[in-house]
Amino acid sequence: MRRQGAAALLAASCLAGCLAHREAPSFDDPTVAQLRAGAIVFVDEGSLYRARGDGSSSKRLLAAGQVGPGGRVIAAALSADGKRAACVAMQSIDVRDASGTDLAVHILELDKERVIAWRRIGMSALAPPGDSGRYPVAITAPGLAWSRDGSKLALGLATGPEAAAGRVILLDVLGAPLADLVVAWSGLGGMTSVSWSRDGTWLALGLARLDASGGAPAPVVAALDLAAAGDGPGALRVIAPGGYPAVSPDGTRIAVVSPRDGLTDLAVLDDRGAEVTRFIRPAGKALHHPFWSSDGRFLYYYSLASTGPLGLLEITMLRCLDTRTRLVQDLVRLS
């Protein structure tokens, strides 16, 4: 009886682990074909990769070792036409205090999956490190995004985990600085993401409304008017609750991670912040950094998945949500 009970427990545990890993159903062939026609970039083990839109045929564009000694890529973005990839990287990463040195933006020109030009733009002059000479990894580059026409790159920098401030640095395609915008408005902080409007006149920022009583900050979507960015608070307006905003390719929708009763949904807002639709509890937990496919049909996002014989181990998974069918598919299991 004990052996049977142990066997049953093991079988149940294995089943739980398998179900946890396979919590997302599969797309049908036509959907996969449409998804595969696009392209994505992502970071795995500190290296930059490009893949088809369904996560297949991944190719490493920039290895962690190419960044420099102890280097790692920490954020990445692909231009709408797929001709340029950009990433943020640091060297001498120390996992003990999650810090690094030599903050830089790398811009790669691509011929499909082949790198044909590579520029490294050191950021120490624009964004000097602290007194220790090191940058905190977790808050250094919460946002990186190409403008819709591919002519500009926006880099979001948080100044500290508790500071109600941040910065957005705009670069051209060669990495030359165009603007350095301070995001410092009372009651707002914790920048998590940056996304361009379709016409390039404003940026959607993921910020947090700070609780004066000491409670947990609430994620909000804010619009930063680039033409008025030098005029102070008038350049920024909060348009809706939600984290990690991502503006759709046609500019009419904003995808956000929306907390609800201790869980996280994906919600889609219109450009004024009104909710259009909500995807309740898509696969995974701790959702973050959604981004759109180039045709605006699919929403990619990162989340945690349970795996292992007992389903007790957690890994980060890049997943894809079909906004038409509401199905989700696992694409890339990240180390």
Protein backbone atom coordinates (compact mmCIF):
# COMPACT_ATOMS: atom_id res chain seq x y z
CA MET A 1 0.00 0.00 0.00
CA ARG A 2 2.82 2.38 0.83
CA ARG A 3 4.45 1.67 -2.52
CA GLN A 4 1.16 2.22 -4.33
CA GLY A 5 0.61 5.43 -2.41
CA ALA A 6 4.11 6.66 -3.22
CA ALA A 7 3.66 5.75 -6.88
CA ALA A 8 0.34 7.57 -7.00
CA LEU A 9 1.88 10.62 -5.36
CA LEU A 10 4.79 10.59 -7.81
CA ALA A 11 2.42 10.24 -10.77
CA ALA A 12 0.27 13.08 -9.48
CA SER A 13 3.35 15.24 -8.94
CA CYS A 14 4.65 14.52 -12.44
CA LEU A 15 1.21 15.27 -13.86
CA ALA A 16 1.07 18.53 -11.93
CA GLY A 17 4.50 19.47 -13.24
CA CYS A 18 3.54 18.61 -16.80
CA LEU A 19 0.28 20.53 -16.55
CA ALA A 20 2.09 23.51 -15.08
CA HIS A 21 4.53 23.50 -17.97
CA ARG A 22 1.79 22.99 -20.57
CA GLU A 23 -0.68 25.51 -19.26
CA ALA A 24 -0.85 27.32 -22.62
CA PRO A 25 -2.75 25.71 -25.55
CA SER A 26 -1.25 25.60 -29.02
CA PHE A 27 -2.07 27.82 -31.98
CA ASP A 28 -3.37 26.27 -35.18
CA ASP A 29 -1.15 26.10 -38.28
CA PRO A 30 -2.47 29.25 -40.04
CA THR A 31 -1.96 31.27 -36.87
CA VAL A 32 1.57 29.97 -36.44
CA ALA A 33 2.32 30.78 -40.09
CA GLN A 34 1.15 34.36 -39.61
CA LEU A 35 3.14 34.66 -36.41
CA ARG A 36 6.25 33.18 -38.02
CA ALA A 37 6.24 35.88 -40.70
CA GLY A 38 7.29 38.42 -38.08
CA ALA A 39 10.43 38.70 -35.97
CA ILE A 40 11.31 39.31 -32.33
CA VAL A 41 14.42 39.93 -30.23
CA PHE A 42 14.96 38.76 -26.67
CA VAL A 43 17.68 38.34 -24.06
CA ASP A 44 18.75 34.93 -22.79
CA GLU A 45 21.75 34.19 -20.56
CA GLY A 46 22.94 37.76 -21.07
CA SER A 47 23.07 37.46 -24.89
CA LEU A 48 20.89 39.08 -27.54
CA TYR A 49 18.87 36.82 -29.85
CA ARG A 50 16.67 37.30 -32.88
CA ALA A 51 13.99 34.76 -33.83
CA ARG A 52 10.96 34.38 -36.04
CA GLY A 53 7.75 35.66 -34.55
CA ASP A 54 6.85 32.20 -33.26
CA GLY A 55 10.18 31.90 -31.42
CA SER A 56 11.67 29.47 -33.94
CA SER A 57 15.00 29.73 -35.79
CA SER A 58 16.58 31.83 -33.04
CA LYS A 59 20.04 33.21 -33.80
CA ARG A 60 22.40 34.94 -31.43
CA LEU A 61 23.18 38.47 -32.55
CA LEU A 62 25.41 39.60 -29.70
CA ALA A 63 27.02 37.28 -27.16
CA ALA A 64 27.47 38.29 -23.54
CA GLY A 65 31.22 37.89 -24.01
CA GLN A 66 31.20 40.45 -26.83
CA VAL A 67 29.82 43.09 -24.49
CA GLY A 68 33.01 42.99 -22.42
CA PRO A 69 34.45 41.21 -19.37
CA GLY A 70 31.65 39.94 -17.18
CA GLY A 71 29.18 41.58 -19.54
CA ARG A 72 25.47 40.97 -20.06
CA VAL A 73 22.73 42.37 -22.24
CA ILE A 74 19.85 43.52 -20.01
CA ALA A 75 17.24 45.01 -22.40
CA ALA A 76 16.52 44.80 -26.14
CA ALA A 77 14.30 46.27 -28.85
CA LEU A 78 13.71 45.60 -32.57
CA SER A 79 12.75 48.31 -35.06
CA ALA A 80 9.38 47.99 -36.79
CA ASP A 81 10.99 47.12 -40.13
CA GLY A 82 13.30 44.55 -38.53
CA LYS A 83 16.40 46.25 -39.90
CA ARG A 84 17.86 47.37 -36.58
CA ALA A 85 18.13 45.85 -33.14
CA ALA A 86 19.22 47.76 -30.07
CA CYS A 87 20.17 46.59 -26.63
CA VAL A 88 21.46 47.91 -23.32
CA ALA A 89 24.41 46.13 -21.73
CA MET A 90 26.83 46.40 -18.84
CA GLN A 91 30.14 44.84 -17.88
CA SER A 92 31.55 43.39 -14.67
CA ILE A 93 28.16 42.23 -13.45
CA ASP A 94 28.23 41.35 -9.75
CA VAL A 95 25.30 39.14 -8.80
CA ARG A 96 25.85 39.79 -5.09
CA ASP A 97 24.59 43.35 -5.28
CA ALA A 98 23.12 43.24 -8.82
CA SER A 99 25.36 45.97 -10.16
CA GLY A 100 27.65 46.51 -13.13
CA THR A 101 29.90 48.96 -14.92
CA ASP A 102 30.27 50.46 -18.41
CA LEU A 103 26.63 51.07 -19.28
CA ALA A 104 26.28 51.15 -23.07
CA VAL A 105 23.71 51.04 -25.84
CA HIS A 106 24.51 48.75 -28.77
CA ILE A 107 22.87 49.36 -32.16
CA LEU A 108 23.01 46.51 -34.68
CA GLU A 109 22.07 46.87 -38.34
CA LEU A 110 20.62 43.63 -39.68
CA ASP A 111 20.23 41.85 -42.99
CA LYS A 112 17.53 39.48 -41.71
CA GLU A 113 19.38 37.54 -39.00
CA ARG A 114 22.87 38.65 -40.08
CA VAL A 115 24.60 41.58 -38.35
CA ILE A 116 26.12 43.91 -40.97
CA ALA A 117 27.08 46.82 -38.68
CA TRP A 118 27.52 47.23 -34.95
CA ARG A 119 27.89 50.44 -32.94
CA ARG A 120 28.57 50.72 -29.23
CA ILE A 121 27.57 53.98 -27.53
CA GLY A 122 28.97 54.39 -24.03
CA MET A 123 26.53 56.12 -21.71
CA SER A 124 28.80 57.20 -18.87
CA ALA A 125 28.91 60.82 -20.06
CA LEU A 126 25.13 61.09 -20.37
CA ALA A 127 24.31 58.88 -17.41
CA PRO A 128 27.26 58.76 -14.99
CA PRO A 129 27.35 55.93 -12.44
CA GLY A 130 27.07 56.52 -8.72
CA ASP A 131 29.93 57.32 -6.38
CA SER A 132 30.91 53.64 -6.40
CA GLY A 133 31.43 53.74 -10.17
CA ARG A 134 28.75 51.05 -10.60
CA TYR A 135 25.19 50.97 -11.92
CA PRO A 136 22.36 49.02 -10.24
CA VAL A 137 21.22 46.46 -12.82
CA ALA A 138 17.58 46.33 -11.77
CA ILE A 139 16.88 50.04 -12.24
CA THR A 140 19.29 51.05 -14.96
CA ALA A 141 17.35 50.34 -18.15
CA PRO A 142 13.67 49.71 -17.56
CA GLY A 143 12.74 50.92 -21.04
CA LEU A 144 14.17 50.73 -24.57
CA ALA A 145 12.10 51.37 -27.69
CA TRP A 146 12.43 52.37 -31.34
CA SER A 147 10.18 55.05 -32.78
CA ARG A 148 7.71 53.76 -35.38
CA ASP A 149 9.74 55.14 -38.28
CA GLY A 150 12.96 53.69 -36.88
CA SER A 151 14.71 57.06 -36.75
CA LYS A 152 14.99 57.40 -32.97
CA LEU A 153 15.66 55.27 -29.94
CA ALA A 154 14.29 56.02 -26.47
CA LEU A 155 16.15 54.78 -23.41
CA GLY A 156 14.41 55.01 -20.05
CA LEU A 157 16.57 55.23 -16.96
CA ALA A 158 15.33 55.02 -13.38
CA THR A 159 17.40 56.96 -10.90
CA GLY A 160 16.68 54.70 -7.95
CA PRO A 161 14.14 52.26 -6.54
CA GLU A 162 12.60 54.90 -4.27
CA ALA A 163 13.25 58.08 -6.23
CA ALA A 164 10.28 59.83 -7.81
CA ALA A 165 12.35 60.54 -10.87
CA GLY A 166 13.75 59.06 -14.02
CA ARG A 167 15.21 60.06 -17.36
CA VAL A 168 14.50 59.42 -21.00
CA ILE A 169 17.44 59.77 -23.37
CA LEU A 170 16.66 60.01 -27.10
CA LEU A 171 19.26 58.82 -29.62
CA ASP A 172 19.35 58.80 -33.42
CA VAL A 173 20.06 55.66 -35.49
CA LEU A 174 23.80 56.21 -35.13
CA GLY A 175 23.55 56.61 -31.37
CA ALA A 176 24.04 60.38 -31.26
CA PRO A 177 22.09 61.98 -28.40
CA LEU A 178 19.08 64.06 -29.41
CA ALA A 179 17.52 64.90 -26.05
CA ASP A 180 17.89 64.18 -22.35
CA LEU A 181 14.52 64.49 -20.63
CA VAL A 182 14.17 64.44 -16.86
CA VAL A 183 11.03 62.72 -15.59
CA ALA A 184 10.61 64.13 -12.10
CA TRP A 185 7.06 64.89 -11.07
CA SER A 186 5.78 64.83 -7.52
CA GLY A 187 4.03 61.61 -6.57
CA LEU A 188 5.26 59.57 -9.53
CA GLY A 189 8.31 57.32 -9.81
CA GLY A 190 9.49 53.79 -10.54
CA MET A 191 9.76 53.88 -14.34
CA THR A 192 9.24 50.40 -15.82
CA SER A 193 8.89 50.87 -19.59
CA VAL A 194 8.94 53.25 -22.54
CA SER A 195 6.83 53.04 -25.72
CA TRP A 196 6.46 55.44 -28.66
CA SER A 197 3.24 56.86 -30.03
CA ARG A 198 2.69 56.20 -33.73
CA ASP A 199 3.39 59.81 -34.74
CA GLY A 200 6.43 60.11 -32.46
CA THR A 201 5.10 63.14 -30.57
CA TRP A 202 4.72 61.47 -27.16
CA LEU A 203 5.94 58.51 -25.15
CA ALA A 204 3.91 56.15 -22.99
CA LEU A 205 5.79 55.61 -19.73
CA GLY A 206 5.21 52.95 -17.14
CA LEU A 207 5.40 54.73 -13.79
CA ALA A 208 4.06 54.23 -10.29
CA ARG A 209 1.85 56.49 -8.23
CA LEU A 210 3.57 56.72 -4.86
CA ASP A 211 1.44 56.25 -1.75
CA ALA A 212 2.13 59.03 0.74
CA SER A 213 1.01 56.78 3.59
CA GLY A 214 3.69 54.22 2.77
CA GLY A 215 1.51 51.70 0.96
CA ALA A 216 2.51 49.82 -2.16
CA PRO A 217 2.95 52.03 -5.26
CA ALA A 218 0.19 51.65 -7.87
CA PRO A 219 1.30 51.22 -11.51
CA VAL A 220 0.07 53.91 -13.89
CA VAL A 221 0.40 54.80 -17.56
CA ALA A 222 1.66 58.32 -18.22
CA ALA A 223 1.99 60.18 -21.52
CA LEU A 224 5.09 62.36 -21.93
CA ASP A 225 4.61 65.13 -24.51
CA LEU A 226 8.00 65.44 -26.19
CA ALA A 227 7.35 68.94 -27.53
CA ALA A 228 6.61 70.22 -24.02
CA ALA A 229 9.06 68.00 -22.13
CA GLY A 230 11.23 70.94 -21.14
CA ASP A 231 8.32 72.78 -19.54
CA GLY A 232 8.02 70.63 -16.41
CA PRO A 233 4.89 68.96 -15.05
CA GLY A 234 2.68 70.12 -17.94
CA ALA A 235 4.48 67.69 -20.24
CA LEU A 236 3.28 64.63 -18.32
CA ARG A 237 -0.24 63.37 -17.74
CA VAL A 238 -1.45 60.17 -16.16
CA ILE A 239 -3.97 58.50 -18.46
CA ALA A 240 -4.82 55.16 -16.82
CA PRO A 241 -3.87 52.56 -14.21
CA GLY A 242 -1.67 49.71 -15.39
CA GLY A 243 1.97 48.73 -15.74
CA TYR A 244 4.45 48.27 -18.60
CA PRO A 245 2.43 50.14 -21.28
CA ALA A 246 3.05 49.21 -24.93
CA VAL A 247 1.46 51.27 -27.73
CA SER A 248 0.12 49.23 -30.66
CA PRO A 249 1.62 49.66 -34.16
CA ASP A 250 -1.43 51.60 -35.37
CA GLY A 251 -1.28 53.86 -32.31
CA THR A 252 -4.89 53.29 -31.27
CA ARG A 253 -4.35 50.85 -28.37
CA ILE A 254 -2.15 50.54 -25.33
CA ALA A 255 -1.47 47.13 -23.78
CA VAL A 256 -0.86 47.11 -20.03
CA VAL A 257 -0.34 44.64 -17.23
CA SER A 258 -3.33 45.19 -14.99
CA PRO A 259 -3.37 44.00 -11.35
CA ARG A 260 -6.67 42.53 -10.15
CA ASP A 261 -7.31 40.96 -6.76
CA GLY A 262 -3.66 40.04 -6.32
CA LEU A 263 -3.41 38.55 -9.82
CA THR A 264 -2.35 40.08 -13.13
CA ASP A 265 -4.34 40.38 -16.34
CA LEU A 266 -3.43 41.83 -19.70
CA ALA A 267 -5.68 44.74 -20.62
CA VAL A 268 -5.94 46.79 -23.79
CA LEU A 269 -6.79 50.50 -23.51
CA ASP A 270 -7.65 53.04 -26.16
CA ASP A 271 -5.29 55.97 -26.68
CA ARG A 272 -7.19 57.99 -24.03
CA GLY A 273 -6.83 55.28 -21.37
CA ALA A 274 -10.33 53.73 -21.47
CA GLU A 275 -10.32 49.93 -21.25
CA VAL A 276 -11.26 48.23 -24.53
CA THR A 277 -10.79 44.59 -23.58
CA ARG A 278 -9.29 42.46 -20.84
CA PHE A 279 -7.56 39.08 -21.01
CA ILE A 280 -8.18 37.54 -17.62
CA ARG A 281 -5.36 35.51 -16.10
CA PRO A 282 -3.42 34.56 -19.25
CA ALA A 283 -0.86 31.77 -18.82
CA GLY A 284 1.79 32.38 -16.20
CA LYS A 285 2.14 34.77 -13.29
CA ALA A 286 4.07 37.97 -12.59
CA LEU A 287 3.43 39.22 -16.13
CA HIS A 288 5.68 42.01 -17.39
CA HIS A 289 6.93 43.90 -20.46
CA PRO A 290 4.27 43.09 -23.09
CA PHE A 291 4.97 44.13 -26.68
CA TRP A 292 3.01 43.92 -29.94
CA SER A 293 3.65 41.99 -33.12
CA SER A 294 4.22 44.22 -36.14
CA ASP A 295 0.69 43.49 -37.47
CA GLY A 296 -0.96 44.32 -34.12
CA ARG A 297 -2.68 40.94 -33.77
CA PHE A 298 -0.42 39.31 -31.18
CA LEU A 299 0.75 40.40 -27.76
CA TYR A 300 4.03 39.00 -26.49
CA TYR A 301 4.76 39.06 -22.77
CA TYR A 302 7.08 37.60 -20.15
CA SER A 303 5.82 35.63 -17.16
CA LEU A 304 6.82 32.93 -14.72
CA ALA A 305 6.03 29.27 -15.35
CA SER A 306 6.13 26.36 -12.93
CA THR A 307 8.16 23.34 -13.95
CA GLY A 308 10.01 20.33 -12.52
CA PRO A 309 8.68 17.02 -11.17
CA LEU A 310 6.74 18.72 -8.39
CA GLY A 311 5.99 21.92 -10.27
CA LEU A 312 7.97 23.83 -7.66
CA LEU A 313 10.62 25.39 -9.88
CA GLU A 314 9.91 28.67 -11.64
CA ILE A 315 11.34 29.80 -14.95
CA THR A 316 10.78 32.85 -17.11
CA MET A 317 8.82 32.19 -20.29
CA LEU A 318 8.30 34.41 -23.32
CA ARG A 319 4.69 33.83 -24.35
CA CYS A 320 2.35 35.06 -27.07
CA LEU A 321 -1.34 35.93 -26.81
CA ASP A 322 -3.55 35.90 -29.91
CA THR A 323 -5.89 38.84 -29.31
CA ARG A 324 -8.47 37.36 -31.71
CA THR A 325 -8.82 33.88 -30.21
CA ARG A 326 -7.49 34.67 -26.69
CA LEU A 327 -5.26 31.62 -26.87
CA VAL A 328 -1.72 31.75 -25.47
CA GLN A 329 1.31 29.82 -26.63
CA ASP A 330 4.67 29.31 -24.95
CA LEU A 331 7.45 30.46 -27.27
CA VAL A 332 10.84 30.65 -25.58
CA ARG A 333 11.95 29.20 -22.27
CA LEU A 334 14.55 31.59 -20.87
CA SER A 335 17.47 30.58 -18.69
